[in-house]
Amino acid sequence: MKKTPYDKKQLHELLYQALETERGGIKIYEAALACAQNKDLKGEWTTYLEQTRNHEEILLTVFKDLDLDPETESPGRQAVAHIGDALVTAMKMAKARGTASAAQLVAGECVLLGETKDHQNWELIGHLAKHGQGEETKTLRTAFDLVEQEEDHHLYHTKGFIRELWIESLGMPAALPPPEEVKTVGTAIGAARAEKQRESMLTSKH
């Protein structure tokens, strides 16, 4: 596919938002771990927290290579920070006012919301790195290759965990750990296939 020029100013905006998303993600995982009850989920989130800290460092390297100030503010970045803070507040409220199991579900949904934005940021960075025509693409491709698989796991595995924990809370048979975790899926297609296999996994347990 032919590579095309891109808007550098908007790329920089994407990077500012991506960095803020990772910083907010660290706070989100710290708050989520305080709500986690399921042992497997807690283990996953502990790993994801460390990976998110590493993703922040990878982005800071990108900023250095592109000669960008990592503390530059923008309206979009401020909005991302506000949303991240709101998710942390929501988890603290759930932990203070509800049951432990209810707080865990809220935490999982907050992680999903944060990771959805995070995953899209990196998809866009990867798209530009692959299809863009410009001097930044090499640096962006290196960063993308380092985090792509981990970001996929963060989103799809957490989604599977929270779906099954919700089903369990409804008093119905749940596949825990979820098929996404068992199958170690790393793509949307893989996640969809794994979810379809949950019934057979439940049957095999009984």
Foldseek 3Di string as FASTA:
>chain_A
DAAEADDVVVLVVLLLQLLLLLVLLLLLLVLLLVLDDDPVVNVLSVVLNVVSVVLNVLSVVLCVVVVHDSPDDDPSNVVSNVLSVVLSVQLVCCVVPHDSLSSNLSSLVSLLVSLVSNLVSLVVLCVCLVRHDDDSNVSSNVSSVVCQQVSQCSNLQSVQCSVQSVCVVVVHDGDPVAQCVVVVDRDPVSSVVSNVCRVVVSVVVD
